[in-house]
Amino acid sequence: MEEMKPARITRRAFIGTTGKLAIGVVGALAGTTGLFYYGAIKHRGNVNEGLPQSYALLGDYNWLMSLNKVVKMDYTAIYDDAWNSKPVKGFVYVAVDDQGMLRIMSPACSHLGCTIEPATDAQISAAKDKSTYFHCPCHGAQFDRVGNATFVVTRGLDLYEPIVSGGYVYMDIMKPIVQQDGQRT
């Protein structure tokens, strides 16, 4: 019986086949890299349009800077984390401080997170610090008109950085600025 021997391949055929295979691999890698780059450019173009969804519009910059009192401002934005995206409605207190800086204050008490309210005349007259403007109904914490702690707690209200764009003021609901204990701003 005749034995089946593998066909001998010539050196020229081996180099030719190997070269074609190498060119095919390089072509496939270049093609997928090009598609990835094209997709990234298209995606980046969509993402950079406009402000992030977590930015909440508060109002006209000139109007807000002319405030001479604390104003409660409602907002809507999109809370976006790694897994979920959901619409959020809430409110903040906005005031201009003595240095002319816009203050955007969270309504959550720095003690246990209860919602603060403007203090009544009776609460202000009974307060040790007459600069009290906000009162927490849960535990009696008090804050002045720009969010500094005046009684019970030592940490003021969380703040949001005002973001001015196109003549309007926005805030990023994802980035509250936590005040330190005893810090007065």
C-alpha atoms as a PDB file:
ATOM      1  CA  MET A   1       0.000   0.000   0.000  1.00  0.00           C
ATOM      2  CA  GLU A   2       1.047   3.419  -0.746  1.00  0.00           C
ATOM      3  CA  GLU A   3       1.600   5.707   2.198  1.00  0.00           C
ATOM      4  CA  MET A   4      -0.056   9.062   2.219  1.00  0.00           C
ATOM      5  CA  LYS A   5       2.616  11.640   2.577  1.00  0.00           C
ATOM      6  CA  PRO A   6       1.860  15.313   3.002  1.00  0.00           C
ATOM      7  CA  ALA A   7       2.465  17.311  -0.102  1.00  0.00           C
ATOM      8  CA  ARG A   8       5.715  19.132  -0.050  1.00  0.00           C
ATOM      9  CA  ILE A   9       5.352  22.854  -0.165  1.00  0.00           C
ATOM     10  CA  THR A  10       7.954  24.881  -1.878  1.00  0.00           C
ATOM     11  CA  ARG A  11       9.694  27.762  -0.246  1.00  0.00           C
ATOM     12  CA  ARG A  12       8.172  30.171  -2.772  1.00  0.00           C
ATOM     13  CA  ALA A  13       4.608  28.929  -2.053  1.00  0.00           C
ATOM     14  CA  PHE A  14       5.161  29.149   1.729  1.00  0.00           C
ATOM     15  CA  ILE A  15       6.415  32.745   1.574  1.00  0.00           C
ATOM     16  CA  GLY A  16       3.585  33.725  -0.791  1.00  0.00           C
ATOM     17  CA  THR A  17       0.886  32.218   1.452  1.00  0.00           C
ATOM     18  CA  THR A  18       2.404  33.738   4.604  1.00  0.00           C
ATOM     19  CA  GLY A  19       2.619  37.167   2.952  1.00  0.00           C
ATOM     20  CA  LYS A  20      -1.033  37.042   1.863  1.00  0.00           C
ATOM     21  CA  LEU A  21      -2.073  36.047   5.385  1.00  0.00           C
ATOM     22  CA  ALA A  22      -0.049  38.916   6.927  1.00  0.00           C
ATOM     23  CA  ILE A  23      -1.554  41.437   4.499  1.00  0.00           C
ATOM     24  CA  GLY A  24      -5.052  40.135   5.315  1.00  0.00           C
ATOM     25  CA  VAL A  25      -4.496  40.515   9.094  1.00  0.00           C
ATOM     26  CA  VAL A  26      -3.112  44.054   8.690  1.00  0.00           C
ATOM     27  CA  GLY A  27      -6.057  44.981   6.453  1.00  0.00           C
ATOM     28  CA  ALA A  28      -8.595  43.623   8.949  1.00  0.00           C
ATOM     29  CA  LEU A  29      -6.965  45.511  11.840  1.00  0.00           C
ATOM     30  CA  ALA A  30      -6.804  48.741   9.845  1.00  0.00           C
ATOM     31  CA  GLY A  31     -10.455  48.395   8.857  1.00  0.00           C
ATOM     32  CA  THR A  32     -11.719  47.838  12.407  1.00  0.00           C
ATOM     33  CA  THR A  33      -9.536  50.657  13.724  1.00  0.00           C
ATOM     34  CA  GLY A  34     -10.946  52.984  11.089  1.00  0.00           C
ATOM     35  CA  LEU A  35     -14.521  52.029  11.968  1.00  0.00           C
ATOM     36  CA  PHE A  36     -13.818  52.549  15.677  1.00  0.00           C
ATOM     37  CA  TYR A  37     -12.300  55.977  15.001  1.00  0.00           C
ATOM     38  CA  TYR A  38     -15.246  56.964  12.774  1.00  0.00           C
ATOM     39  CA  GLY A  39     -17.729  55.890  15.471  1.00  0.00           C
ATOM     40  CA  ALA A  40     -15.844  57.791  18.173  1.00  0.00           C
ATOM     41  CA  ILE A  41     -15.867  60.983  16.109  1.00  0.00           C
ATOM     42  CA  LYS A  42     -19.601  60.685  15.432  1.00  0.00           C
ATOM     43  CA  HIS A  43     -20.347  59.980  19.110  1.00  0.00           C
ATOM     44  CA  ARG A  44     -18.197  62.868  20.315  1.00  0.00           C
ATOM     45  CA  GLY A  45     -20.017  65.211  17.953  1.00  0.00           C
ATOM     46  CA  ASN A  46     -23.360  64.284  19.528  1.00  0.00           C
ATOM     47  CA  VAL A  47     -22.177  64.496  23.123  1.00  0.00           C
ATOM     48  CA  ASN A  48     -20.595  67.941  22.933  1.00  0.00           C
ATOM     49  CA  GLU A  49     -23.728  69.650  21.654  1.00  0.00           C
ATOM     50  CA  GLY A  50     -25.163  71.909  24.346  1.00  0.00           C
ATOM     51  CA  LEU A  51     -24.820  71.683  28.108  1.00  0.00           C
ATOM     52  CA  PRO A  52     -24.829  68.425  30.086  1.00  0.00           C
ATOM     53  CA  GLN A  53     -28.264  67.133  31.075  1.00  0.00           C
ATOM     54  CA  SER A  54     -27.365  67.409  34.769  1.00  0.00           C
ATOM     55  CA  TYR A  55     -27.241  71.220  34.416  1.00  0.00           C
ATOM     56  CA  ALA A  56     -30.384  72.916  35.701  1.00  0.00           C
ATOM     57  CA  LEU A  57     -31.393  76.333  34.354  1.00  0.00           C
ATOM     58  CA  LEU A  58     -32.043  78.833  37.145  1.00  0.00           C
ATOM     59  CA  GLY A  59     -32.656  82.022  35.211  1.00  0.00           C
ATOM     60  CA  ASP A  60     -31.266  85.154  33.617  1.00  0.00           C
ATOM     61  CA  TYR A  61     -27.871  86.207  35.026  1.00  0.00           C
ATOM     62  CA  ASN A  62     -28.711  89.930  35.295  1.00  0.00           C
ATOM     63  CA  TRP A  63     -32.008  89.246  37.043  1.00  0.00           C
ATOM     64  CA  LEU A  64     -30.413  86.865  39.555  1.00  0.00           C
ATOM     65  CA  MET A  65     -27.565  89.292  40.307  1.00  0.00           C
ATOM     66  CA  SER A  66     -30.095  92.057  41.030  1.00  0.00           C
ATOM     67  CA  LEU A  67     -31.777  90.040  43.799  1.00  0.00           C
ATOM     68  CA  ASN A  68     -31.944  91.777  47.171  1.00  0.00           C
ATOM     69  CA  LYS A  69     -33.625  88.858  48.932  1.00  0.00           C
ATOM     70  CA  VAL A  70     -33.501  85.072  49.013  1.00  0.00           C
ATOM     71  CA  VAL A  71     -35.553  83.442  46.246  1.00  0.00           C
ATOM     72  CA  LYS A  72     -36.782  79.860  46.032  1.00  0.00           C
ATOM     73  CA  MET A  73     -36.070  78.549  42.510  1.00  0.00           C
ATOM     74  CA  ASP A  74     -37.594  75.365  41.080  1.00  0.00           C
ATOM     75  CA  TYR A  75     -35.521  73.332  38.627  1.00  0.00           C
ATOM     76  CA  THR A  76     -35.645  70.246  36.444  1.00  0.00           C
ATOM     77  CA  ALA A  77     -32.625  68.275  35.249  1.00  0.00           C
ATOM     78  CA  ILE A  78     -31.534  64.736  34.415  1.00  0.00           C
ATOM     79  CA  TYR A  79     -29.740  62.752  37.122  1.00  0.00           C
ATOM     80  CA  ASP A  80     -27.267  60.600  35.221  1.00  0.00           C
ATOM     81  CA  ASP A  81     -25.060  57.970  36.848  1.00  0.00           C
ATOM     82  CA  ALA A  82     -23.335  54.910  35.403  1.00  0.00           C
ATOM     83  CA  TRP A  83     -26.519  52.802  35.339  1.00  0.00           C
ATOM     84  CA  ASN A  84     -29.551  55.059  35.377  1.00  0.00           C
ATOM     85  CA  SER A  85     -30.790  58.275  33.875  1.00  0.00           C
ATOM     86  CA  LYS A  86     -33.861  59.832  35.454  1.00  0.00           C
ATOM     87  CA  PRO A  87     -35.551  63.234  35.464  1.00  0.00           C
ATOM     88  CA  VAL A  88     -35.283  65.163  38.723  1.00  0.00           C
ATOM     89  CA  LYS A  89     -37.399  68.057  39.952  1.00  0.00           C
ATOM     90  CA  GLY A  90     -36.419  70.078  42.972  1.00  0.00           C
ATOM     91  CA  PHE A  91     -35.677  73.531  44.268  1.00  0.00           C
ATOM     92  CA  VAL A  92     -32.814  75.583  45.645  1.00  0.00           C
ATOM     93  CA  TYR A  93     -32.544  78.902  47.425  1.00  0.00           C
ATOM     94  CA  VAL A  94     -30.672  81.647  45.564  1.00  0.00           C
ATOM     95  CA  ALA A  95     -29.252  84.857  47.051  1.00  0.00           C
ATOM     96  CA  VAL A  96     -26.514  87.400  46.413  1.00  0.00           C
ATOM     97  CA  ASP A  97     -24.091  87.676  49.351  1.00  0.00           C
ATOM     98  CA  ASP A  98     -22.470  90.849  50.732  1.00  0.00           C
ATOM     99  CA  GLN A  99     -19.503  90.460  48.346  1.00  0.00           C
ATOM    100  CA  GLY A 100     -21.825  90.386  45.315  1.00  0.00           C
ATOM    101  CA  MET A 101     -21.378  86.650  44.718  1.00  0.00           C
ATOM    102  CA  LEU A 102     -24.311  84.496  43.651  1.00  0.00           C
ATOM    103  CA  ARG A 103     -25.118  81.796  46.236  1.00  0.00           C
ATOM    104  CA  ILE A 104     -27.074  78.695  45.211  1.00  0.00           C
ATOM    105  CA  MET A 105     -28.021  76.786  48.380  1.00  0.00           C
ATOM    106  CA  SER A 106     -29.347  73.283  48.802  1.00  0.00           C
ATOM    107  CA  PRO A 107     -32.597  73.065  50.800  1.00  0.00           C
ATOM    108  CA  ALA A 108     -31.285  69.973  52.656  1.00  0.00           C
ATOM    109  CA  CYS A 109     -30.230  70.589  56.264  1.00  0.00           C
ATOM    110  CA  SER A 110     -26.586  69.676  56.849  1.00  0.00           C
ATOM    111  CA  HIS A 111     -27.565  67.872  60.070  1.00  0.00           C
ATOM    112  CA  LEU A 112     -29.769  65.016  58.836  1.00  0.00           C
ATOM    113  CA  GLY A 113     -31.030  66.142  55.441  1.00  0.00           C
ATOM    114  CA  CYS A 114     -34.475  67.467  56.367  1.00  0.00           C
ATOM    115  CA  THR A 115     -35.832  70.223  54.117  1.00  0.00           C
ATOM    116  CA  ILE A 116     -35.208  73.669  55.592  1.00  0.00           C
ATOM    117  CA  GLU A 117     -37.752  76.478  55.491  1.00  0.00           C
ATOM    118  CA  PRO A 118     -37.536  80.243  55.828  1.00  0.00           C
ATOM    119  CA  ALA A 119     -37.728  81.082  59.526  1.00  0.00           C
ATOM    120  CA  THR A 120     -40.889  82.691  60.852  1.00  0.00           C
ATOM    121  CA  ASP A 121     -40.784  86.009  62.713  1.00  0.00           C
ATOM    122  CA  ALA A 122     -41.310  84.132  65.991  1.00  0.00           C
ATOM    123  CA  GLN A 123     -38.366  81.811  65.255  1.00  0.00           C
ATOM    124  CA  ILE A 124     -36.118  84.746  64.367  1.00  0.00           C
ATOM    125  CA  SER A 125     -37.024  86.687  67.526  1.00  0.00           C
ATOM    126  CA  ALA A 126     -36.386  83.572  69.651  1.00  0.00           C
ATOM    127  CA  ALA A 127     -33.059  82.810  67.933  1.00  0.00           C
ATOM    128  CA  LYS A 128     -29.754  83.495  69.683  1.00  0.00           C
ATOM    129  CA  ASP A 129     -28.293  84.764  66.402  1.00  0.00           C
ATOM    130  CA  LYS A 130     -30.577  87.396  64.862  1.00  0.00           C
ATOM    131  CA  SER A 131     -29.098  86.781  61.402  1.00  0.00           C
ATOM    132  CA  THR A 132     -31.072  83.518  61.256  1.00  0.00           C
ATOM    133  CA  TYR A 133     -32.994  83.202  57.990  1.00  0.00           C
ATOM    134  CA  PHE A 134     -33.607  79.459  57.554  1.00  0.00           C
ATOM    135  CA  HIS A 135     -34.923  77.006  60.129  1.00  0.00           C
ATOM    136  CA  CYS A 136     -34.914  73.196  60.061  1.00  0.00           C
ATOM    137  CA  PRO A 137     -38.239  71.865  61.390  1.00  0.00           C
ATOM    138  CA  CYS A 138     -36.724  68.486  62.360  1.00  0.00           C
ATOM    139  CA  HIS A 139     -34.098  69.456  64.934  1.00  0.00           C
ATOM    140  CA  GLY A 140     -34.103  73.255  65.096  1.00  0.00           C
ATOM    141  CA  ALA A 141     -30.933  73.937  63.114  1.00  0.00           C
ATOM    142  CA  GLN A 142     -30.641  77.528  61.914  1.00  0.00           C
ATOM    143  CA  PHE A 143     -28.821  79.152  59.000  1.00  0.00           C
ATOM    144  CA  ASP A 144     -28.299  82.740  57.845  1.00  0.00           C
ATOM    145  CA  ARG A 145     -29.457  84.119  54.465  1.00  0.00           C
ATOM    146  CA  VAL A 146     -26.359  82.828  52.623  1.00  0.00           C
ATOM    147  CA  GLY A 147     -26.413  79.330  54.158  1.00  0.00           C
ATOM    148  CA  ASN A 148     -23.924  79.641  57.035  1.00  0.00           C
ATOM    149  CA  ALA A 149     -24.798  77.682  60.186  1.00  0.00           C
ATOM    150  CA  THR A 150     -25.926  79.874  63.108  1.00  0.00           C
ATOM    151  CA  PHE A 151     -27.334  77.402  65.653  1.00  0.00           C
ATOM    152  CA  VAL A 152     -27.302  73.663  66.507  1.00  0.00           C
ATOM    153  CA  VAL A 153     -25.137  72.567  63.556  1.00  0.00           C
ATOM    154  CA  THR A 154     -21.588  73.624  62.718  1.00  0.00           C
ATOM    155  CA  ARG A 155     -21.683  72.971  58.970  1.00  0.00           C
ATOM    156  CA  GLY A 156     -23.509  75.322  56.620  1.00  0.00           C
ATOM    157  CA  LEU A 157     -25.808  74.359  53.769  1.00  0.00           C
ATOM    158  CA  ASP A 158     -24.349  72.646  50.718  1.00  0.00           C
ATOM    159  CA  LEU A 159     -23.809  75.020  47.811  1.00  0.00           C
ATOM    160  CA  TYR A 160     -23.805  74.717  44.043  1.00  0.00           C
ATOM    161  CA  GLU A 161     -21.393  76.547  41.769  1.00  0.00           C
ATOM    162  CA  PRO A 162     -23.174  79.035  39.500  1.00  0.00           C
ATOM    163  CA  ILE A 163     -22.359  78.267  35.856  1.00  0.00           C
ATOM    164  CA  VAL A 164     -22.925  81.232  33.533  1.00  0.00           C
ATOM    165  CA  SER A 165     -23.471  80.467  29.854  1.00  0.00           C
ATOM    166  CA  GLY A 166     -25.150  82.620  27.220  1.00  0.00           C
ATOM    167  CA  GLY A 167     -26.431  85.129  29.783  1.00  0.00           C
ATOM    168  CA  TYR A 168     -28.141  82.450  31.889  1.00  0.00           C
ATOM    169  CA  VAL A 169     -27.190  80.808  35.180  1.00  0.00           C
ATOM    170  CA  TYR A 170     -27.085  77.035  35.520  1.00  0.00           C
ATOM    171  CA  MET A 171     -26.053  74.653  38.285  1.00  0.00           C
ATOM    172  CA  ASP A 172     -24.828  71.072  38.092  1.00  0.00           C
ATOM    173  CA  ILE A 173     -27.069  68.966  40.352  1.00  0.00           C
ATOM    174  CA  MET A 174     -24.420  66.228  40.364  1.00  0.00           C
ATOM    175  CA  LYS A 175     -21.780  68.414  42.048  1.00  0.00           C
ATOM    176  CA  PRO A 176     -22.857  69.972  45.354  1.00  0.00           C
ATOM    177  CA  ILE A 177     -20.089  71.775  47.254  1.00  0.00           C
ATOM    178  CA  VAL A 178     -20.044  70.515  50.839  1.00  0.00           C
ATOM    179  CA  GLN A 179     -19.027  73.185  53.364  1.00  0.00           C
ATOM    180  CA  GLN A 180     -16.644  72.217  56.159  1.00  0.00           C
ATOM    181  CA  ASP A 181     -17.512  72.405  59.864  1.00  0.00           C
ATOM    182  CA  GLY A 182     -17.237  75.976  61.109  1.00  0.00           C
ATOM    183  CA  GLN A 183     -16.637  77.369  57.611  1.00  0.00           C
ATOM    184  CA  ARG A 184     -18.319  80.719  56.974  1.00  0.00           C
ATOM    185  CA  THR A 185     -18.484  82.042  53.468  1.00  0.00           C
END
